[in-house]
């Protein structure tokens, strides 16, 4: 796939299924679009700023022959769109899980799993402070999880069980998209800044990076869905 539209084509392909199925009568995801877009603004800004800095620092780079060359600061416009397209697709899966499996009932166990993951991420991040992608990703995700449990009243609409089930399913298309981006490659990683552990061609840190992106979107999605008198 040697074209400057490679990244755009991958993003467009990712959108096809969720957009086409958004009009399914049972899920009716089209009715959530405004809420999805609102919940995606702050996480997108956070990740775009992070991405701009990491690109400048040489943590990763982009193959010039596979992007259009239109940039936001030093960031390809396609990469900025990634932080809107991927959450849209992930929230589609999340809503489907909530609608088709309304009786999930292991929230306390799921909370325990997330607390354990926060501790694990914190340890990995602190041990690997010399690797920017590893440390920043692990520490950011651990910190966000910690805030969720320290200030639970702000996150009272968040269900850990629905998030974990959704995340496990989301990992499949997420890894497929990232697999294309790293195998072609569109994105090139500096292995001095990560653990050099890969799932196929994907740095293992991407799974935590993706988890934080999805988590932030889900939290805000539920927050914006709260009744005004709630």
C-alpha atoms as a PDB file:
ATOM      1  CA  UNK A   1       0.000   0.000   0.000  1.00  0.00           C
ATOM      2  CA  UNK A   2       2.405   2.675  -1.229  1.00  0.00           C
ATOM      3  CA  UNK A   3       0.255   5.783  -1.303  1.00  0.00           C
ATOM      4  CA  UNK A   4       0.161   9.026   0.631  1.00  0.00           C
ATOM      5  CA  UNK A   5      -3.442   8.209   1.529  1.00  0.00           C
ATOM      6  CA  UNK A   6      -2.543   4.976   3.332  1.00  0.00           C
ATOM      7  CA  UNK A   7      -3.309   6.292   6.806  1.00  0.00           C
ATOM      8  CA  UNK A   8      -6.565   7.887   5.634  1.00  0.00           C
ATOM      9  CA  UNK A   9      -7.638   4.613   3.998  1.00  0.00           C
ATOM     10  CA  UNK A  10      -7.016   2.685   7.219  1.00  0.00           C
ATOM     11  CA  UNK A  11      -9.035   5.210   9.241  1.00  0.00           C
ATOM     12  CA  UNK A  12     -11.883   5.182   6.720  1.00  0.00           C
ATOM     13  CA  UNK A  13     -11.941   1.372   6.743  1.00  0.00           C
ATOM     14  CA  UNK A  14     -12.161   1.426  10.539  1.00  0.00           C
ATOM     15  CA  UNK A  15     -15.242   3.645  10.392  1.00  0.00           C
ATOM     16  CA  UNK A  16     -17.204   1.636   7.843  1.00  0.00           C
ATOM     17  CA  UNK A  17     -18.661  -0.994  10.194  1.00  0.00           C
ATOM     18  CA  UNK A  18     -19.642   1.270  13.119  1.00  0.00           C
ATOM     19  CA  UNK A  19     -21.150   3.935  10.842  1.00  0.00           C
ATOM     20  CA  UNK A  20     -23.112   1.398   8.785  1.00  0.00           C
ATOM     21  CA  UNK A  21     -24.416  -0.381  11.893  1.00  0.00           C
ATOM     22  CA  UNK A  22     -25.195   2.849  13.758  1.00  0.00           C
ATOM     23  CA  UNK A  23     -28.699   2.792  12.270  1.00  0.00           C
ATOM     24  CA  UNK A  24     -29.520  -0.660  13.661  1.00  0.00           C
ATOM     25  CA  UNK A  25     -32.852  -0.217  15.442  1.00  0.00           C
ATOM     26  CA  UNK A  26     -31.903  -2.021  18.643  1.00  0.00           C
ATOM     27  CA  UNK A  27     -28.589  -0.222  19.194  1.00  0.00           C
ATOM     28  CA  UNK A  28     -29.590   3.050  17.471  1.00  0.00           C
ATOM     29  CA  UNK A  29     -26.042   4.319  17.895  1.00  0.00           C
ATOM     30  CA  UNK A  30     -26.807   7.279  15.645  1.00  0.00           C
ATOM     31  CA  UNK A  31     -28.776   8.769  18.558  1.00  0.00           C
ATOM     32  CA  UNK A  32     -25.546   8.855  20.609  1.00  0.00           C
ATOM     33  CA  UNK A  33     -23.382  10.645  18.042  1.00  0.00           C
ATOM     34  CA  UNK A  34     -23.535  14.060  19.713  1.00  0.00           C
ATOM     35  CA  UNK A  35     -22.686  12.530  23.087  1.00  0.00           C
ATOM     36  CA  UNK A  36     -19.839  10.540  21.514  1.00  0.00           C
ATOM     37  CA  UNK A  37     -18.350  13.636  19.896  1.00  0.00           C
ATOM     38  CA  UNK A  38     -18.626  15.692  23.098  1.00  0.00           C
ATOM     39  CA  UNK A  39     -16.980  12.974  25.155  1.00  0.00           C
ATOM     40  CA  UNK A  40     -14.121  12.732  22.666  1.00  0.00           C
ATOM     41  CA  UNK A  41     -12.967  16.358  22.676  1.00  0.00           C
ATOM     42  CA  UNK A  42     -10.897  16.463  25.894  1.00  0.00           C
ATOM     43  CA  UNK A  43      -9.264  13.025  25.441  1.00  0.00           C
ATOM     44  CA  UNK A  44      -8.403  13.907  21.835  1.00  0.00           C
ATOM     45  CA  UNK A  45      -6.763  17.171  22.911  1.00  0.00           C
ATOM     46  CA  UNK A  46      -4.810  15.367  25.633  1.00  0.00           C
ATOM     47  CA  UNK A  47      -3.538  12.672  23.271  1.00  0.00           C
ATOM     48  CA  UNK A  48      -2.787  15.080  20.420  1.00  0.00           C
ATOM     49  CA  UNK A  49      -0.594  17.225  22.707  1.00  0.00           C
ATOM     50  CA  UNK A  50       1.092  14.062  24.013  1.00  0.00           C
ATOM     51  CA  UNK A  51       1.583  12.797  20.465  1.00  0.00           C
ATOM     52  CA  UNK A  52       3.032  16.093  19.235  1.00  0.00           C
ATOM     53  CA  UNK A  53       5.596  16.047  22.037  1.00  0.00           C
ATOM     54  CA  UNK A  54       6.555  12.396  21.492  1.00  0.00           C
ATOM     55  CA  UNK A  55       6.924  12.912  17.750  1.00  0.00           C
ATOM     56  CA  UNK A  56       9.216  15.865  18.399  1.00  0.00           C
ATOM     57  CA  UNK A  57      11.183  13.808  20.965  1.00  0.00           C
ATOM     58  CA  UNK A  58      11.690  10.952  18.475  1.00  0.00           C
ATOM     59  CA  UNK A  59       9.690   8.377  20.430  1.00  0.00           C
ATOM     60  CA  UNK A  60       7.923   7.551  17.161  1.00  0.00           C
ATOM     61  CA  UNK A  61       7.799   8.868  13.612  1.00  0.00           C
ATOM     62  CA  UNK A  62       5.641   8.581  10.505  1.00  0.00           C
ATOM     63  CA  UNK A  63       6.555   7.298   7.045  1.00  0.00           C
ATOM     64  CA  UNK A  64       6.324  10.410   4.817  1.00  0.00           C
ATOM     65  CA  UNK A  65       5.295   8.415   1.740  1.00  0.00           C
ATOM     66  CA  UNK A  66       2.189   7.057   3.539  1.00  0.00           C
ATOM     67  CA  UNK A  67       0.733  10.311   4.880  1.00  0.00           C
ATOM     68  CA  UNK A  68      -0.620  13.344   3.039  1.00  0.00           C
ATOM     69  CA  UNK A  69       1.891  15.735   4.573  1.00  0.00           C
ATOM     70  CA  UNK A  70      -0.816  17.942   6.107  1.00  0.00           C
ATOM     71  CA  UNK A  71       0.300  18.546   9.674  1.00  0.00           C
ATOM     72  CA  UNK A  72      -0.894  19.932  12.972  1.00  0.00           C
ATOM     73  CA  UNK A  73       2.316  21.277  14.498  1.00  0.00           C
ATOM     74  CA  UNK A  74       4.622  18.345  13.647  1.00  0.00           C
ATOM     75  CA  UNK A  75       1.784  15.811  13.748  1.00  0.00           C
ATOM     76  CA  UNK A  76       0.183  14.312  10.620  1.00  0.00           C
ATOM     77  CA  UNK A  77      -3.475  15.303  10.413  1.00  0.00           C
ATOM     78  CA  UNK A  78      -4.312  11.597  10.098  1.00  0.00           C
ATOM     79  CA  UNK A  79      -2.808  10.955  13.526  1.00  0.00           C
ATOM     80  CA  UNK A  80      -4.957  13.699  15.042  1.00  0.00           C
ATOM     81  CA  UNK A  81      -8.044  12.159  13.407  1.00  0.00           C
ATOM     82  CA  UNK A  82      -7.051   8.776  14.894  1.00  0.00           C
ATOM     83  CA  UNK A  83      -8.040  10.125  18.321  1.00  0.00           C
ATOM     84  CA  UNK A  84     -11.558  10.825  17.094  1.00  0.00           C
ATOM     85  CA  UNK A  85     -12.094   7.850  14.789  1.00  0.00           C
ATOM     86  CA  UNK A  86     -10.882   5.129  17.160  1.00  0.00           C
ATOM     87  CA  UNK A  87     -12.951   6.312  20.178  1.00  0.00           C
ATOM     88  CA  UNK A  88     -16.036   6.548  17.941  1.00  0.00           C
ATOM     89  CA  UNK A  89     -15.566   2.910  16.913  1.00  0.00           C
ATOM     90  CA  UNK A  90     -14.784   1.802  20.475  1.00  0.00           C
ATOM     91  CA  UNK A  91     -17.813   3.544  21.962  1.00  0.00           C
ATOM     92  CA  UNK A  92     -19.960   1.826  19.344  1.00  0.00           C
ATOM     93  CA  UNK A  93     -18.774  -1.537  20.687  1.00  0.00           C
ATOM     94  CA  UNK A  94     -19.229  -0.347  24.277  1.00  0.00           C
ATOM     95  CA  UNK A  95     -22.857   0.689  23.637  1.00  0.00           C
ATOM     96  CA  UNK A  96     -23.538  -2.617  21.869  1.00  0.00           C
ATOM     97  CA  UNK A  97     -22.273  -4.540  24.902  1.00  0.00           C
ATOM     98  CA  UNK A  98     -24.487  -2.506  27.246  1.00  0.00           C
ATOM     99  CA  UNK A  99     -27.569  -3.055  25.090  1.00  0.00           C
ATOM    100  CA  UNK A 100     -27.093  -6.719  24.199  1.00  0.00           C
ATOM    101  CA  UNK A 101     -25.775  -7.803  27.617  1.00  0.00           C
ATOM    102  CA  UNK A 102     -27.722  -5.680  30.121  1.00  0.00           C
ATOM    103  CA  UNK A 103     -27.306  -8.106  33.020  1.00  0.00           C
ATOM    104  CA  UNK A 104     -23.566  -8.149  33.551  1.00  0.00           C
ATOM    105  CA  UNK A 105     -23.075  -8.354  37.279  1.00  0.00           C
ATOM    106  CA  UNK A 106     -19.447  -8.541  38.333  1.00  0.00           C
ATOM    107  CA  UNK A 107     -18.745  -4.863  38.898  1.00  0.00           C
ATOM    108  CA  UNK A 108     -16.927  -5.330  42.222  1.00  0.00           C
ATOM    109  CA  UNK A 109     -14.659  -8.036  40.798  1.00  0.00           C
ATOM    110  CA  UNK A 110     -13.987  -5.861  37.752  1.00  0.00           C
ATOM    111  CA  UNK A 111     -13.125  -2.929  40.036  1.00  0.00           C
ATOM    112  CA  UNK A 112     -10.626  -5.183  41.799  1.00  0.00           C
ATOM    113  CA  UNK A 113      -9.070  -6.130  38.455  1.00  0.00           C
ATOM    114  CA  UNK A 114      -8.716  -2.470  37.473  1.00  0.00           C
ATOM    115  CA  UNK A 115      -7.149  -1.637  40.844  1.00  0.00           C
ATOM    116  CA  UNK A 116      -4.659  -4.468  40.315  1.00  0.00           C
ATOM    117  CA  UNK A 117      -3.879  -3.176  36.833  1.00  0.00           C
ATOM    118  CA  UNK A 118      -3.296   0.316  38.239  1.00  0.00           C
ATOM    119  CA  UNK A 119      -0.731  -1.066  40.702  1.00  0.00           C
ATOM    120  CA  UNK A 120       0.944  -3.113  37.956  1.00  0.00           C
ATOM    121  CA  UNK A 121       1.114  -0.154  35.569  1.00  0.00           C
ATOM    122  CA  UNK A 122       2.515   2.057  38.331  1.00  0.00           C
ATOM    123  CA  UNK A 123       5.295  -0.447  39.069  1.00  0.00           C
ATOM    124  CA  UNK A 124       6.195  -0.902  35.382  1.00  0.00           C
ATOM    125  CA  UNK A 125       6.188   2.861  34.842  1.00  0.00           C
ATOM    126  CA  UNK A 126       8.458   3.548  37.820  1.00  0.00           C
ATOM    127  CA  UNK A 127      10.880   0.771  36.901  1.00  0.00           C
ATOM    128  CA  UNK A 128      11.194   2.037  33.315  1.00  0.00           C
ATOM    129  CA  UNK A 129      11.593   5.793  33.724  1.00  0.00           C
ATOM    130  CA  UNK A 130      14.370   5.726  31.116  1.00  0.00           C
ATOM    131  CA  UNK A 131      11.903   4.589  28.438  1.00  0.00           C
ATOM    132  CA  UNK A 132       9.541   7.461  27.647  1.00  0.00           C
ATOM    133  CA  UNK A 133       6.760   5.514  25.926  1.00  0.00           C
ATOM    134  CA  UNK A 134       6.710   2.829  28.602  1.00  0.00           C
ATOM    135  CA  UNK A 135       6.891   5.120  31.627  1.00  0.00           C
ATOM    136  CA  UNK A 136       4.517   7.844  30.426  1.00  0.00           C
ATOM    137  CA  UNK A 137       1.888   5.388  29.213  1.00  0.00           C
ATOM    138  CA  UNK A 138       1.952   3.239  32.334  1.00  0.00           C
ATOM    139  CA  UNK A 139       2.020   6.185  34.750  1.00  0.00           C
ATOM    140  CA  UNK A 140      -0.719   8.132  32.965  1.00  0.00           C
ATOM    141  CA  UNK A 141      -3.013   5.093  32.903  1.00  0.00           C
ATOM    142  CA  UNK A 142      -2.227   4.191  36.533  1.00  0.00           C
ATOM    143  CA  UNK A 143      -2.897   7.791  37.590  1.00  0.00           C
ATOM    144  CA  UNK A 144      -6.236   7.980  35.786  1.00  0.00           C
ATOM    145  CA  UNK A 145      -7.358   4.685  37.308  1.00  0.00           C
ATOM    146  CA  UNK A 146      -6.246   5.873  40.748  1.00  0.00           C
ATOM    147  CA  UNK A 147      -8.268   9.103  40.386  1.00  0.00           C
ATOM    148  CA  UNK A 148     -11.334   7.049  39.483  1.00  0.00           C
ATOM    149  CA  UNK A 149     -11.108   5.145  42.756  1.00  0.00           C
ATOM    150  CA  UNK A 150     -10.017   8.080  44.913  1.00  0.00           C
ATOM    151  CA  UNK A 151     -12.894  10.303  43.730  1.00  0.00           C
ATOM    152  CA  UNK A 152     -15.608   7.696  43.018  1.00  0.00           C
ATOM    153  CA  UNK A 153     -18.491  10.169  43.241  1.00  0.00           C
ATOM    154  CA  UNK A 154     -17.414  11.800  39.980  1.00  0.00           C
ATOM    155  CA  UNK A 155     -17.317   8.413  38.255  1.00  0.00           C
ATOM    156  CA  UNK A 156     -20.457   6.875  39.781  1.00  0.00           C
ATOM    157  CA  UNK A 157     -21.998   6.183  36.340  1.00  0.00           C
ATOM    158  CA  UNK A 158     -18.949   4.188  35.249  1.00  0.00           C
ATOM    159  CA  UNK A 159     -19.289   0.383  35.349  1.00  0.00           C
ATOM    160  CA  UNK A 160     -16.004  -1.498  35.518  1.00  0.00           C
ATOM    161  CA  UNK A 161     -17.539  -4.762  34.299  1.00  0.00           C
ATOM    162  CA  UNK A 162     -18.979  -3.238  31.120  1.00  0.00           C
ATOM    163  CA  UNK A 163     -15.720  -1.447  30.458  1.00  0.00           C
ATOM    164  CA  UNK A 164     -13.559  -4.560  30.869  1.00  0.00           C
ATOM    165  CA  UNK A 165     -15.765  -6.752  28.657  1.00  0.00           C
ATOM    166  CA  UNK A 166     -15.869  -4.015  26.010  1.00  0.00           C
ATOM    167  CA  UNK A 167     -12.122  -3.461  26.210  1.00  0.00           C
ATOM    168  CA  UNK A 168     -11.374  -7.167  25.685  1.00  0.00           C
ATOM    169  CA  UNK A 169     -13.538  -7.155  22.547  1.00  0.00           C
ATOM    170  CA  UNK A 170     -12.202  -3.781  21.382  1.00  0.00           C
ATOM    171  CA  UNK A 171      -8.644  -5.145  21.568  1.00  0.00           C
ATOM    172  CA  UNK A 172      -9.305  -7.296  18.493  1.00  0.00           C
ATOM    173  CA  UNK A 173     -10.069  -4.465  15.994  1.00  0.00           C
ATOM    174  CA  UNK A 174      -7.693  -2.124  17.842  1.00  0.00           C
ATOM    175  CA  UNK A 175      -4.790  -4.522  17.352  1.00  0.00           C
ATOM    176  CA  UNK A 176      -5.818  -5.116  13.723  1.00  0.00           C
ATOM    177  CA  UNK A 177      -5.675  -1.381  12.966  1.00  0.00           C
ATOM    178  CA  UNK A 178      -2.439  -0.911  14.903  1.00  0.00           C
ATOM    179  CA  UNK A 179      -1.045  -4.001  13.231  1.00  0.00           C
ATOM    180  CA  UNK A 180      -1.560  -2.386   9.828  1.00  0.00           C
ATOM    181  CA  UNK A 181      -0.083   0.909  10.990  1.00  0.00           C
ATOM    182  CA  UNK A 182       3.052  -0.750  12.373  1.00  0.00           C
ATOM    183  CA  UNK A 183       3.502  -3.496   9.761  1.00  0.00           C
ATOM    184  CA  UNK A 184       3.199  -1.398   6.589  1.00  0.00           C
ATOM    185  CA  UNK A 185       4.604   0.710   8.369  1.00  0.00           C
ATOM    186  CA  UNK A 186       2.854   4.030   8.717  1.00  0.00           C
ATOM    187  CA  UNK A 187       4.136   4.540  12.259  1.00  0.00           C
ATOM    188  CA  UNK A 188       7.719   3.721  13.259  1.00  0.00           C
ATOM    189  CA  UNK A 189       8.666   3.248  16.917  1.00  0.00           C
ATOM    190  CA  UNK A 190      12.001   3.995  18.550  1.00  0.00           C
ATOM    191  CA  UNK A 191      12.650   0.805  20.533  1.00  0.00           C
ATOM    192  CA  UNK A 192      14.976   2.655  22.896  1.00  0.00           C
ATOM    193  CA  UNK A 193      11.845   4.284  24.318  1.00  0.00           C
ATOM    194  CA  UNK A 194       9.773   1.129  24.846  1.00  0.00           C
ATOM    195  CA  UNK A 195      10.160  -2.380  26.253  1.00  0.00           C
ATOM    196  CA  UNK A 196      10.867  -3.883  22.795  1.00  0.00           C
ATOM    197  CA  UNK A 197       8.093  -6.404  23.472  1.00  0.00           C
ATOM    198  CA  UNK A 198       5.751  -6.723  20.525  1.00  0.00           C
ATOM    199  CA  UNK A 199       2.434  -8.313  19.658  1.00  0.00           C
ATOM    200  CA  UNK A 200       3.241  -9.087  16.028  1.00  0.00           C
ATOM    201  CA  UNK A 201       4.616  -5.628  15.086  1.00  0.00           C
ATOM    202  CA  UNK A 202       2.774  -3.705  17.824  1.00  0.00           C
ATOM    203  CA  UNK A 203       4.611  -2.460  20.928  1.00  0.00           C
ATOM    204  CA  UNK A 204       2.928  -3.948  23.993  1.00  0.00           C
ATOM    205  CA  UNK A 205       2.572  -0.423  25.400  1.00  0.00           C
ATOM    206  CA  UNK A 206      -0.043   0.275  22.711  1.00  0.00           C
ATOM    207  CA  UNK A 207      -2.544  -1.906  24.581  1.00  0.00           C
ATOM    208  CA  UNK A 208      -2.263   0.328  27.661  1.00  0.00           C
ATOM    209  CA  UNK A 209      -2.129   3.506  25.568  1.00  0.00           C
ATOM    210  CA  UNK A 210      -5.335   2.359  23.880  1.00  0.00           C
ATOM    211  CA  UNK A 211      -6.887   1.407  27.200  1.00  0.00           C
ATOM    212  CA  UNK A 212      -6.344   4.922  28.558  1.00  0.00           C
ATOM    213  CA  UNK A 213      -7.808   6.488  25.405  1.00  0.00           C
ATOM    214  CA  UNK A 214     -10.915   4.281  25.571  1.00  0.00           C
ATOM    215  CA  UNK A 215     -11.259   4.668  29.343  1.00  0.00           C
ATOM    216  CA  UNK A 216     -11.243   8.460  29.179  1.00  0.00           C
ATOM    217  CA  UNK A 217     -13.864   8.433  26.427  1.00  0.00           C
ATOM    218  CA  UNK A 218     -16.111   5.945  28.240  1.00  0.00           C
ATOM    219  CA  UNK A 219     -15.935   7.916  31.502  1.00  0.00           C
ATOM    220  CA  UNK A 220     -16.959  11.152  29.769  1.00  0.00           C
ATOM    221  CA  UNK A 221     -19.560   9.357  27.646  1.00  0.00           C
ATOM    222  CA  UNK A 222     -21.270   8.142  30.827  1.00  0.00           C
ATOM    223  CA  UNK A 223     -20.814  11.500  32.534  1.00  0.00           C
ATOM    224  CA  UNK A 224     -22.536  13.367  29.694  1.00  0.00           C
ATOM    225  CA  UNK A 225     -25.336  10.815  29.734  1.00  0.00           C
ATOM    226  CA  UNK A 226     -26.265  11.570  33.335  1.00  0.00           C
ATOM    227  CA  UNK A 227     -29.687  13.234  33.758  1.00  0.00           C
ATOM    228  CA  UNK A 228     -29.387  16.933  34.562  1.00  0.00           C
ATOM    229  CA  UNK A 229     -31.254  16.423  37.827  1.00  0.00           C
ATOM    230  CA  UNK A 230     -29.123  13.356  38.731  1.00  0.00           C
END
